[in-house]
Amino acid sequence: MPDALFSVEFSPPRNPEGVEKLRATRAELARVAPAFYSVTFGAGGSTRDGTLGTTLEIQQAGFNAVPHISCVASTRAYVRELLQTYRAAGIRHLVALRGDAPSGMAGGGGDFRYAADLVELVRAEHGDWFHIEVAAYPETHPQARSPAEDLQNFVRKVRAGADSAITQYFYNDEAYLRFVDEAARLGCDIPIVPGIMPITNYTQLARFSDACGAEIPRWIRRRLESFGDDRAAIRAFGADVVSALCVRLLEHGAPGLHFYTMNASSATLEIWQRAGLPVPRA
């Protein structure tokens, strides 16, 4: 575990109240010194200005900010300008994604079709300046025609120049371990970091999972359903399940953990403590 890398993810806030909440969340999470704070890029670039502003604020506060850059609705000119802005700010780490098209947008538009195309541009124009993360889907991307096709798409991103990957969240560690093994057999030996989603709201989690193709195992669904509106019971059960998952993943050689915080700190910090993740001395 000493060499493992632990990181967290935020979404750009949409109003002044959200800005203040995120600043407080960031300050609370700073107690455990995440390796970096990534910032998402909304469907179709819907939060692109917020992503830029939030990323620069985190970086200027002295933390390692890692912006998401999406293919959807992005032109080459826009991406080039954005990369120069980030480089000028001293940012050296990106998450390159195909991204999601907003509801009602066919295809997604823009000059890039796949995340591999975006990785190629970054590498061609900036060499090794940026460490490039890409996405991985242990349970298969919901739009992939088959698991084999999805794995080949991942391989293309790695061969285009990706340095490491962060997975979609999952609760079935066997799916992750199998994906890592299958990628390795195809020559992909980059670190593949599990994405970790705390469980705090079953209705919200079920909606997210149905949309992104992340399976909630039946036994977990049934237990969560049994709690009804008892949010304290949901959170307690969720902390038990997810912290145990984190421990198993690290024991099986996962190179780190990446927490989807939903712009809140308490659930992530509880899992961090229960899983025995490192906390710097004051």
C-alpha atoms as a PDB file:
ATOM      1  CA  MET A   1       0.000   0.000   0.000  1.00  0.00           C
ATOM      2  CA  PRO A   2       2.814   2.571   0.557  1.00  0.00           C
ATOM      3  CA  ASP A   3       3.237   2.936  -3.201  1.00  0.00           C
ATOM      4  CA  ALA A   4      -0.507   3.053  -3.942  1.00  0.00           C
ATOM      5  CA  LEU A   5      -1.978   6.255  -5.339  1.00  0.00           C
ATOM      6  CA  PHE A   6      -5.207   7.640  -3.866  1.00  0.00           C
ATOM      7  CA  SER A   7      -7.151  10.422  -5.573  1.00  0.00           C
ATOM      8  CA  VAL A   8     -10.554  12.109  -5.576  1.00  0.00           C
ATOM      9  CA  GLU A   9     -12.925  13.544  -8.146  1.00  0.00           C
ATOM     10  CA  PHE A  10     -15.126  16.633  -8.146  1.00  0.00           C
ATOM     11  CA  SER A  11     -17.755  18.084 -10.467  1.00  0.00           C
ATOM     12  CA  PRO A  12     -17.711  21.817 -11.245  1.00  0.00           C
ATOM     13  CA  PRO A  13     -20.216  23.630  -8.996  1.00  0.00           C
ATOM     14  CA  ARG A  14     -23.125  25.337 -10.736  1.00  0.00           C
ATOM     15  CA  ASN A  15     -23.857  28.210  -8.338  1.00  0.00           C
ATOM     16  CA  PRO A  16     -22.149  30.279  -5.624  1.00  0.00           C
ATOM     17  CA  GLU A  17     -23.420  27.960  -2.875  1.00  0.00           C
ATOM     18  CA  GLY A  18     -21.894  25.012  -4.689  1.00  0.00           C
ATOM     19  CA  VAL A  19     -18.587  26.852  -5.013  1.00  0.00           C
ATOM     20  CA  GLU A  20     -18.405  27.387  -1.266  1.00  0.00           C
ATOM     21  CA  LYS A  21     -19.442  23.795  -0.541  1.00  0.00           C
ATOM     22  CA  LEU A  22     -16.750  22.460  -2.839  1.00  0.00           C
ATOM     23  CA  ARG A  23     -14.095  24.629  -1.222  1.00  0.00           C
ATOM     24  CA  ALA A  24     -15.090  23.239   2.167  1.00  0.00           C
ATOM     25  CA  THR A  25     -15.071  19.685   0.793  1.00  0.00           C
ATOM     26  CA  ARG A  26     -11.637  20.206  -0.723  1.00  0.00           C
ATOM     27  CA  ALA A  27     -10.300  21.509   2.588  1.00  0.00           C
ATOM     28  CA  GLU A  28     -11.685  18.498   4.458  1.00  0.00           C
ATOM     29  CA  LEU A  29     -10.257  16.005   1.973  1.00  0.00           C
ATOM     30  CA  ALA A  30      -6.884  17.758   2.076  1.00  0.00           C
ATOM     31  CA  ARG A  31      -6.440  16.185   5.526  1.00  0.00           C
ATOM     32  CA  VAL A  32      -5.758  12.832   3.830  1.00  0.00           C
ATOM     33  CA  ALA A  33      -3.575  14.393   1.103  1.00  0.00           C
ATOM     34  CA  PRO A  34      -4.995  12.877  -2.100  1.00  0.00           C
ATOM     35  CA  ALA A  35      -2.418  12.590  -4.881  1.00  0.00           C
ATOM     36  CA  PHE A  36      -4.668  14.667  -7.109  1.00  0.00           C
ATOM     37  CA  TYR A  37      -8.112  16.216  -7.467  1.00  0.00           C
ATOM     38  CA  SER A  38      -9.734  15.546 -10.824  1.00  0.00           C
ATOM     39  CA  VAL A  39     -12.489  17.771 -12.221  1.00  0.00           C
ATOM     40  CA  THR A  40     -15.188  16.398 -14.507  1.00  0.00           C
ATOM     41  CA  PHE A  41     -16.393  17.756 -17.834  1.00  0.00           C
ATOM     42  CA  GLY A  42     -20.199  17.632 -18.201  1.00  0.00           C
ATOM     43  CA  ALA A  43     -22.095  15.914 -21.010  1.00  0.00           C
ATOM     44  CA  GLY A  44     -21.379  17.644 -24.291  1.00  0.00           C
ATOM     45  CA  GLY A  45     -19.031  20.062 -22.555  1.00  0.00           C
ATOM     46  CA  SER A  46     -21.919  21.495 -20.536  1.00  0.00           C
ATOM     47  CA  THR A  47     -19.580  22.429 -17.668  1.00  0.00           C
ATOM     48  CA  ARG A  48     -16.482  23.317 -19.703  1.00  0.00           C
ATOM     49  CA  ASP A  49     -16.124  26.814 -18.241  1.00  0.00           C
ATOM     50  CA  GLY A  50     -16.728  25.460 -14.751  1.00  0.00           C
ATOM     51  CA  THR A  51     -14.181  22.709 -15.325  1.00  0.00           C
ATOM     52  CA  LEU A  52     -11.562  25.238 -16.348  1.00  0.00           C
ATOM     53  CA  GLY A  53     -12.293  27.622 -13.487  1.00  0.00           C
ATOM     54  CA  THR A  54     -12.455  24.893 -10.840  1.00  0.00           C
ATOM     55  CA  THR A  55      -9.261  23.278 -12.101  1.00  0.00           C
ATOM     56  CA  LEU A  56      -7.318  26.521 -12.071  1.00  0.00           C
ATOM     57  CA  GLU A  57      -8.579  27.419  -8.589  1.00  0.00           C
ATOM     58  CA  ILE A  58      -7.468  24.037  -7.194  1.00  0.00           C
ATOM     59  CA  GLN A  59      -4.075  24.326  -8.884  1.00  0.00           C
ATOM     60  CA  GLN A  60      -3.548  27.883  -7.689  1.00  0.00           C
ATOM     61  CA  ALA A  61      -4.381  26.767  -4.137  1.00  0.00           C
ATOM     62  CA  GLY A  62      -1.328  24.524  -4.256  1.00  0.00           C
ATOM     63  CA  PHE A  63      -2.951  21.182  -5.033  1.00  0.00           C
ATOM     64  CA  ASN A  64      -2.510  18.867  -8.004  1.00  0.00           C
ATOM     65  CA  ALA A  65      -5.529  19.555 -10.232  1.00  0.00           C
ATOM     66  CA  VAL A  66      -6.363  17.130 -13.039  1.00  0.00           C
ATOM     67  CA  PRO A  67      -8.961  18.324 -15.570  1.00  0.00           C
ATOM     68  CA  HIS A  68     -11.103  16.050 -17.691  1.00  0.00           C
ATOM     69  CA  ILE A  69     -11.056  16.811 -21.418  1.00  0.00           C
ATOM     70  CA  SER A  70     -13.814  15.339 -23.578  1.00  0.00           C
ATOM     71  CA  CYS A  71     -14.108  14.636 -27.291  1.00  0.00           C
ATOM     72  CA  VAL A  72     -17.816  15.386 -27.461  1.00  0.00           C
ATOM     73  CA  ALA A  73     -18.550  18.815 -28.938  1.00  0.00           C
ATOM     74  CA  SER A  74     -14.837  19.714 -28.840  1.00  0.00           C
ATOM     75  CA  THR A  75     -12.963  21.104 -31.838  1.00  0.00           C
ATOM     76  CA  ARG A  76      -9.222  20.682 -32.317  1.00  0.00           C
ATOM     77  CA  ALA A  77      -8.801  24.441 -31.995  1.00  0.00           C
ATOM     78  CA  TYR A  78     -10.629  24.469 -28.665  1.00  0.00           C
ATOM     79  CA  VAL A  79      -8.619  21.532 -27.295  1.00  0.00           C
ATOM     80  CA  ARG A  80      -5.336  23.111 -28.408  1.00  0.00           C
ATOM     81  CA  GLU A  81      -6.218  26.360 -26.657  1.00  0.00           C
ATOM     82  CA  LEU A  82      -7.285  24.506 -23.519  1.00  0.00           C
ATOM     83  CA  LEU A  83      -4.087  22.463 -23.401  1.00  0.00           C
ATOM     84  CA  GLN A  84      -1.996  25.630 -23.697  1.00  0.00           C
ATOM     85  CA  THR A  85      -3.978  27.223 -20.860  1.00  0.00           C
ATOM     86  CA  TYR A  86      -3.444  24.230 -18.604  1.00  0.00           C
ATOM     87  CA  ARG A  87       0.218  23.971 -19.518  1.00  0.00           C
ATOM     88  CA  ALA A  88       0.752  27.658 -18.730  1.00  0.00           C
ATOM     89  CA  ALA A  89      -0.831  27.052 -15.315  1.00  0.00           C
ATOM     90  CA  GLY A  90       1.661  24.276 -14.587  1.00  0.00           C
ATOM     91  CA  ILE A  91      -0.853  21.445 -14.919  1.00  0.00           C
ATOM     92  CA  ARG A  92       0.793  18.232 -16.072  1.00  0.00           C
ATOM     93  CA  HIS A  93      -1.954  15.646 -15.678  1.00  0.00           C
ATOM     94  CA  LEU A  94      -5.155  15.141 -17.722  1.00  0.00           C
ATOM     95  CA  VAL A  95      -8.060  12.720 -18.021  1.00  0.00           C
ATOM     96  CA  ALA A  96      -8.851  12.229 -21.729  1.00  0.00           C
ATOM     97  CA  LEU A  97     -12.350  10.910 -22.400  1.00  0.00           C
ATOM     98  CA  ARG A  98     -14.712  10.397 -25.265  1.00  0.00           C
ATOM     99  CA  GLY A  99     -17.414  11.824 -23.024  1.00  0.00           C
ATOM    100  CA  ASP A 100     -21.189  11.727 -23.111  1.00  0.00           C
ATOM    101  CA  ALA A 101     -23.399  13.544 -25.564  1.00  0.00           C
ATOM    102  CA  PRO A 102     -26.151  15.578 -23.894  1.00  0.00           C
ATOM    103  CA  SER A 103     -29.696  14.319 -24.208  1.00  0.00           C
ATOM    104  CA  GLY A 104     -31.033  14.879 -27.715  1.00  0.00           C
ATOM    105  CA  MET A 105     -27.617  15.307 -29.343  1.00  0.00           C
ATOM    106  CA  ALA A 106     -26.986  12.631 -31.941  1.00  0.00           C
ATOM    107  CA  GLY A 107     -23.403  11.400 -32.115  1.00  0.00           C
ATOM    108  CA  GLY A 108     -21.890  14.255 -30.153  1.00  0.00           C
ATOM    109  CA  GLY A 109     -20.312  16.515 -32.783  1.00  0.00           C
ATOM    110  CA  GLY A 110     -16.815  17.880 -32.533  1.00  0.00           C
ATOM    111  CA  ASP A 111     -13.625  16.954 -34.366  1.00  0.00           C
ATOM    112  CA  PHE A 112     -12.842  13.799 -32.374  1.00  0.00           C
ATOM    113  CA  ARG A 113     -14.600  10.478 -32.631  1.00  0.00           C
ATOM    114  CA  TYR A 114     -12.797   8.477 -29.976  1.00  0.00           C
ATOM    115  CA  ALA A 115     -10.736   9.167 -26.870  1.00  0.00           C
ATOM    116  CA  ALA A 116      -7.738   7.566 -28.622  1.00  0.00           C
ATOM    117  CA  ASP A 117      -7.849  10.446 -31.126  1.00  0.00           C
ATOM    118  CA  LEU A 118      -7.671  12.949 -28.292  1.00  0.00           C
ATOM    119  CA  VAL A 119      -4.767  11.087 -26.664  1.00  0.00           C
ATOM    120  CA  GLU A 120      -2.917  11.110 -29.992  1.00  0.00           C
ATOM    121  CA  LEU A 121      -3.297  14.878 -30.332  1.00  0.00           C
ATOM    122  CA  VAL A 122      -2.013  15.543 -26.809  1.00  0.00           C
ATOM    123  CA  ARG A 123       0.989  13.294 -27.353  1.00  0.00           C
ATOM    124  CA  ALA A 124       1.772  14.690 -30.811  1.00  0.00           C
ATOM    125  CA  GLU A 125       1.676  18.319 -29.708  1.00  0.00           C
ATOM    126  CA  HIS A 126       2.907  18.176 -26.102  1.00  0.00           C
ATOM    127  CA  GLY A 127       5.127  15.109 -25.950  1.00  0.00           C
ATOM    128  CA  ASP A 128       5.490  13.869 -22.386  1.00  0.00           C
ATOM    129  CA  TRP A 129       4.464  17.118 -20.702  1.00  0.00           C
ATOM    130  CA  PHE A 130       1.069  15.688 -19.690  1.00  0.00           C
ATOM    131  CA  HIS A 131       0.443  12.458 -17.828  1.00  0.00           C
ATOM    132  CA  ILE A 132      -2.667  11.141 -19.590  1.00  0.00           C
ATOM    133  CA  GLU A 133      -5.347   9.124 -17.829  1.00  0.00           C
ATOM    134  CA  VAL A 134      -8.053   7.316 -19.811  1.00  0.00           C
ATOM    135  CA  ALA A 135     -11.233   5.513 -18.801  1.00  0.00           C
ATOM    136  CA  ALA A 136     -11.649   1.765 -18.386  1.00  0.00           C
ATOM    137  CA  TYR A 137     -14.887  -0.214 -18.042  1.00  0.00           C
ATOM    138  CA  PRO A 138     -14.476  -3.509 -16.155  1.00  0.00           C
ATOM    139  CA  GLU A 139     -18.159  -4.335 -16.720  1.00  0.00           C
ATOM    140  CA  THR A 140     -18.119  -3.101 -20.354  1.00  0.00           C
ATOM    141  CA  HIS A 141     -19.119   0.333 -21.643  1.00  0.00           C
ATOM    142  CA  PRO A 142     -22.917   0.441 -22.058  1.00  0.00           C
ATOM    143  CA  GLN A 143     -22.593   1.441 -25.739  1.00  0.00           C
ATOM    144  CA  ALA A 144     -20.031  -1.222 -26.674  1.00  0.00           C
ATOM    145  CA  ARG A 145     -21.276  -3.994 -28.950  1.00  0.00           C
ATOM    146  CA  SER A 146     -19.366  -6.611 -26.960  1.00  0.00           C
ATOM    147  CA  PRO A 147     -16.845  -6.943 -24.128  1.00  0.00           C
ATOM    148  CA  ALA A 148     -14.176  -7.867 -26.685  1.00  0.00           C
ATOM    149  CA  GLU A 149     -14.823  -4.683 -28.678  1.00  0.00           C
ATOM    150  CA  ASP A 150     -14.716  -2.611 -25.516  1.00  0.00           C
ATOM    151  CA  LEU A 151     -11.388  -4.136 -24.523  1.00  0.00           C
ATOM    152  CA  GLN A 152      -9.966  -3.363 -27.963  1.00  0.00           C
ATOM    153  CA  ASN A 153     -11.097   0.243 -27.588  1.00  0.00           C
ATOM    154  CA  PHE A 154      -9.154   0.397 -24.330  1.00  0.00           C
ATOM    155  CA  VAL A 155      -6.090  -1.093 -26.013  1.00  0.00           C
ATOM    156  CA  ARG A 156      -6.240   1.606 -28.699  1.00  0.00           C
ATOM    157  CA  LYS A 157      -6.163   4.330 -26.062  1.00  0.00           C
ATOM    158  CA  VAL A 158      -3.159   2.751 -24.393  1.00  0.00           C
ATOM    159  CA  ARG A 159      -1.300   2.394 -27.685  1.00  0.00           C
ATOM    160  CA  ALA A 160      -2.116   6.011 -28.527  1.00  0.00           C
ATOM    161  CA  GLY A 161      -0.092   7.084 -25.501  1.00  0.00           C
ATOM    162  CA  ALA A 162      -2.138   6.783 -22.300  1.00  0.00           C
ATOM    163  CA  ASP A 163      -0.050   6.554 -19.117  1.00  0.00           C
ATOM    164  CA  SER A 164      -2.670   5.099 -16.798  1.00  0.00           C
ATOM    165  CA  ALA A 165      -6.406   4.513 -16.484  1.00  0.00           C
ATOM    166  CA  ILE A 166      -9.229   5.063 -14.023  1.00  0.00           C
ATOM    167  CA  THR A 167     -12.189   2.701 -14.118  1.00  0.00           C
ATOM    168  CA  GLN A 168     -15.882   3.281 -13.984  1.00  0.00           C
ATOM    169  CA  TYR A 169     -17.040   2.425 -10.472  1.00  0.00           C
ATOM    170  CA  PHE A 170     -18.049  -1.137  -9.719  1.00  0.00           C
ATOM    171  CA  TYR A 171     -18.932  -3.330  -6.750  1.00  0.00           C
ATOM    172  CA  ASN A 172     -17.768  -6.640  -8.238  1.00  0.00           C
ATOM    173  CA  ASP A 173     -14.021  -6.892  -7.746  1.00  0.00           C
ATOM    174  CA  GLU A 174     -13.830 -10.018  -9.902  1.00  0.00           C
ATOM    175  CA  ALA A 175     -14.871  -7.940 -12.938  1.00  0.00           C
ATOM    176  CA  TYR A 176     -11.998  -5.532 -12.294  1.00  0.00           C
ATOM    177  CA  LEU A 177      -9.407  -8.255 -11.768  1.00  0.00           C
ATOM    178  CA  ARG A 178     -10.491 -10.069 -14.921  1.00  0.00           C
ATOM    179  CA  PHE A 179     -10.345  -6.839 -16.952  1.00  0.00           C
ATOM    180  CA  VAL A 180      -6.814  -6.092 -15.732  1.00  0.00           C
ATOM    181  CA  ASP A 181      -5.690  -9.629 -16.598  1.00  0.00           C
ATOM    182  CA  GLU A 182      -7.266  -9.501 -20.072  1.00  0.00           C
ATOM    183  CA  ALA A 183      -5.707  -6.100 -20.791  1.00  0.00           C
ATOM    184  CA  ALA A 184      -2.302  -7.389 -19.669  1.00  0.00           C
ATOM    185  CA  ARG A 185      -2.570 -10.354 -22.027  1.00  0.00           C
ATOM    186  CA  LEU A 186      -2.962  -7.836 -24.857  1.00  0.00           C
ATOM    187  CA  GLY A 187       0.184  -6.003 -23.807  1.00  0.00           C
ATOM    188  CA  CYS A 188      -1.440  -3.215 -21.751  1.00  0.00           C
ATOM    189  CA  ASP A 189       0.601  -2.942 -18.585  1.00  0.00           C
ATOM    190  CA  ILE A 190      -0.278   0.600 -17.540  1.00  0.00           C
ATOM    191  CA  PRO A 191      -1.706   1.099 -14.021  1.00  0.00           C
ATOM    192  CA  ILE A 192      -5.498   0.648 -13.992  1.00  0.00           C
ATOM    193  CA  VAL A 193      -6.872   2.358 -10.880  1.00  0.00           C
ATOM    194  CA  PRO A 194     -10.312   1.298  -9.598  1.00  0.00           C
ATOM    195  CA  GLY A 195     -12.958   4.002  -9.417  1.00  0.00           C
ATOM    196  CA  ILE A 196     -14.758   3.924  -6.059  1.00  0.00           C
ATOM    197  CA  MET A 197     -18.299   5.206  -5.551  1.00  0.00           C
ATOM    198  CA  PRO A 198     -19.474   5.609  -1.938  1.00  0.00           C
ATOM    199  CA  ILE A 199     -23.046   4.482  -1.278  1.00  0.00           C
ATOM    200  CA  THR A 200     -25.125   7.168   0.414  1.00  0.00           C
ATOM    201  CA  ASN A 201     -28.374   7.373  -1.587  1.00  0.00           C
ATOM    202  CA  TYR A 202     -29.810   4.207  -3.131  1.00  0.00           C
ATOM    203  CA  THR A 203     -32.225   5.914  -5.553  1.00  0.00           C
ATOM    204  CA  GLN A 204     -29.485   8.134  -6.932  1.00  0.00           C
ATOM    205  CA  LEU A 205     -27.016   5.261  -7.144  1.00  0.00           C
ATOM    206  CA  ALA A 206     -29.487   3.042  -9.002  1.00  0.00           C
ATOM    207  CA  ARG A 207     -30.146   5.805 -11.533  1.00  0.00           C
ATOM    208  CA  PHE A 208     -26.449   6.431 -12.115  1.00  0.00           C
ATOM    209  CA  SER A 209     -25.686   2.740 -12.386  1.00  0.00           C
ATOM    210  CA  ASP A 210     -28.438   2.052 -14.892  1.00  0.00           C
ATOM    211  CA  ALA A 211     -27.162   4.913 -17.054  1.00  0.00           C
ATOM    212  CA  CYS A 212     -23.458   4.037 -16.991  1.00  0.00           C
ATOM    213  CA  GLY A 213     -23.655   0.254 -17.009  1.00  0.00           C
ATOM    214  CA  ALA A 214     -22.248  -0.283 -13.523  1.00  0.00           C
ATOM    215  CA  GLU A 215     -23.834  -3.339 -11.927  1.00  0.00           C
ATOM    216  CA  ILE A 216     -25.146  -3.238  -8.376  1.00  0.00           C
ATOM    217  CA  PRO A 217     -25.048  -6.903  -7.323  1.00  0.00           C
ATOM    218  CA  ARG A 218     -28.455  -8.281  -6.430  1.00  0.00           C
ATOM    219  CA  TRP A 219     -27.586  -8.891  -2.790  1.00  0.00           C
ATOM    220  CA  ILE A 220     -26.516  -5.270  -2.391  1.00  0.00           C
ATOM    221  CA  ARG A 221     -29.638  -3.979  -4.160  1.00  0.00           C
ATOM    222  CA  ARG A 222     -31.908  -6.084  -1.960  1.00  0.00           C
ATOM    223  CA  ARG A 223     -30.250  -4.910   1.222  1.00  0.00           C
ATOM    224  CA  LEU A 224     -30.399  -1.276   0.148  1.00  0.00           C
ATOM    225  CA  GLU A 225     -34.054  -1.608  -0.860  1.00  0.00           C
ATOM    226  CA  SER A 226     -34.839  -3.103   2.542  1.00  0.00           C
ATOM    227  CA  PHE A 227     -33.678   0.070   4.302  1.00  0.00           C
ATOM    228  CA  GLY A 228     -36.355   2.184   2.618  1.00  0.00           C
ATOM    229  CA  ASP A 229     -35.865   5.835   3.572  1.00  0.00           C
ATOM    230  CA  ASP A 230     -33.462   5.066   6.444  1.00  0.00           C
ATOM    231  CA  ARG A 231     -30.499   7.046   5.092  1.00  0.00           C
ATOM    232  CA  ALA A 232     -28.362   6.355   8.153  1.00  0.00           C
ATOM    233  CA  ALA A 233     -28.721   2.603   7.604  1.00  0.00           C
ATOM    234  CA  ILE A 234     -27.938   3.006   3.895  1.00  0.00           C
ATOM    235  CA  ARG A 235     -24.786   4.979   4.649  1.00  0.00           C
ATOM    236  CA  ALA A 236     -23.618   2.524   7.321  1.00  0.00           C
ATOM    237  CA  PHE A 237     -24.172  -0.493   5.086  1.00  0.00           C
ATOM    238  CA  GLY A 238     -22.601   1.315   2.151  1.00  0.00           C
ATOM    239  CA  ALA A 239     -19.502   2.180   4.168  1.00  0.00           C
ATOM    240  CA  ASP A 240     -19.110  -1.473   5.183  1.00  0.00           C
ATOM    241  CA  VAL A 241     -19.486  -2.749   1.609  1.00  0.00           C
ATOM    242  CA  VAL A 242     -17.265  -0.186  -0.092  1.00  0.00           C
ATOM    243  CA  SER A 243     -14.471  -0.162   2.488  1.00  0.00           C
ATOM    244  CA  ALA A 244     -14.289  -3.979   2.303  1.00  0.00           C
ATOM    245  CA  LEU A 245     -14.140  -3.693  -1.503  1.00  0.00           C
ATOM    246  CA  CYS A 246     -11.245  -1.228  -1.224  1.00  0.00           C
ATOM    247  CA  VAL A 247      -9.307  -3.562   1.058  1.00  0.00           C
ATOM    248  CA  ARG A 248      -9.804  -6.532  -1.279  1.00  0.00           C
ATOM    249  CA  LEU A 249      -8.730  -4.519  -4.324  1.00  0.00           C
ATOM    250  CA  LEU A 250      -5.525  -3.338  -2.669  1.00  0.00           C
ATOM    251  CA  GLU A 251      -4.769  -6.839  -1.394  1.00  0.00           C
ATOM    252  CA  HIS A 252      -5.079  -8.104  -4.970  1.00  0.00           C
ATOM    253  CA  GLY A 253      -2.615  -5.536  -6.278  1.00  0.00           C
ATOM    254  CA  ALA A 254      -4.714  -2.539  -7.358  1.00  0.00           C
ATOM    255  CA  PRO A 255      -2.300   0.386  -7.879  1.00  0.00           C
ATOM    256  CA  GLY A 256      -4.519   2.808  -5.975  1.00  0.00           C
ATOM    257  CA  LEU A 257      -8.097   4.015  -5.584  1.00  0.00           C
ATOM    258  CA  HIS A 258      -9.942   6.954  -7.156  1.00  0.00           C
ATOM    259  CA  PHE A 259     -12.961   8.216  -5.202  1.00  0.00           C
ATOM    260  CA  TYR A 260     -16.027   9.711  -6.882  1.00  0.00           C
ATOM    261  CA  THR A 261     -16.879  12.123  -4.084  1.00  0.00           C
ATOM    262  CA  MET A 262     -20.068  13.723  -5.467  1.00  0.00           C
ATOM    263  CA  ASN A 263     -18.594  16.968  -4.059  1.00  0.00           C
ATOM    264  CA  ALA A 264     -18.948  15.755  -0.464  1.00  0.00           C
ATOM    265  CA  SER A 265     -16.264  14.547   1.914  1.00  0.00           C
ATOM    266  CA  SER A 266     -17.834  12.549   4.740  1.00  0.00           C
ATOM    267  CA  ALA A 267     -18.557   9.277   2.929  1.00  0.00           C
ATOM    268  CA  THR A 268     -15.134   9.206   1.267  1.00  0.00           C
ATOM    269  CA  LEU A 269     -13.354   9.996   4.541  1.00  0.00           C
ATOM    270  CA  GLU A 270     -15.264   7.266   6.373  1.00  0.00           C
ATOM    271  CA  ILE A 271     -14.304   4.682   3.752  1.00  0.00           C
ATOM    272  CA  TRP A 272     -10.727   5.989   3.826  1.00  0.00           C
ATOM    273  CA  GLN A 273     -10.567   5.436   7.587  1.00  0.00           C
ATOM    274  CA  ARG A 274     -12.287   2.038   7.573  1.00  0.00           C
ATOM    275  CA  ALA A 275     -10.070   0.737   4.777  1.00  0.00           C
ATOM    276  CA  GLY A 276      -6.951   1.853   6.646  1.00  0.00           C
ATOM    277  CA  LEU A 277      -5.735   4.141   3.872  1.00  0.00           C
ATOM    278  CA  PRO A 278      -2.758   6.361   4.719  1.00  0.00           C
ATOM    279  CA  VAL A 279      -3.310   9.661   6.537  1.00  0.00           C
ATOM    280  CA  PRO A 280      -0.352  12.072   6.796  1.00  0.00           C
ATOM    281  CA  ARG A 281       0.740  13.103  10.245  1.00  0.00           C
ATOM    282  CA  ALA A 282      -0.198  16.640  11.203  1.00  0.00           C
END
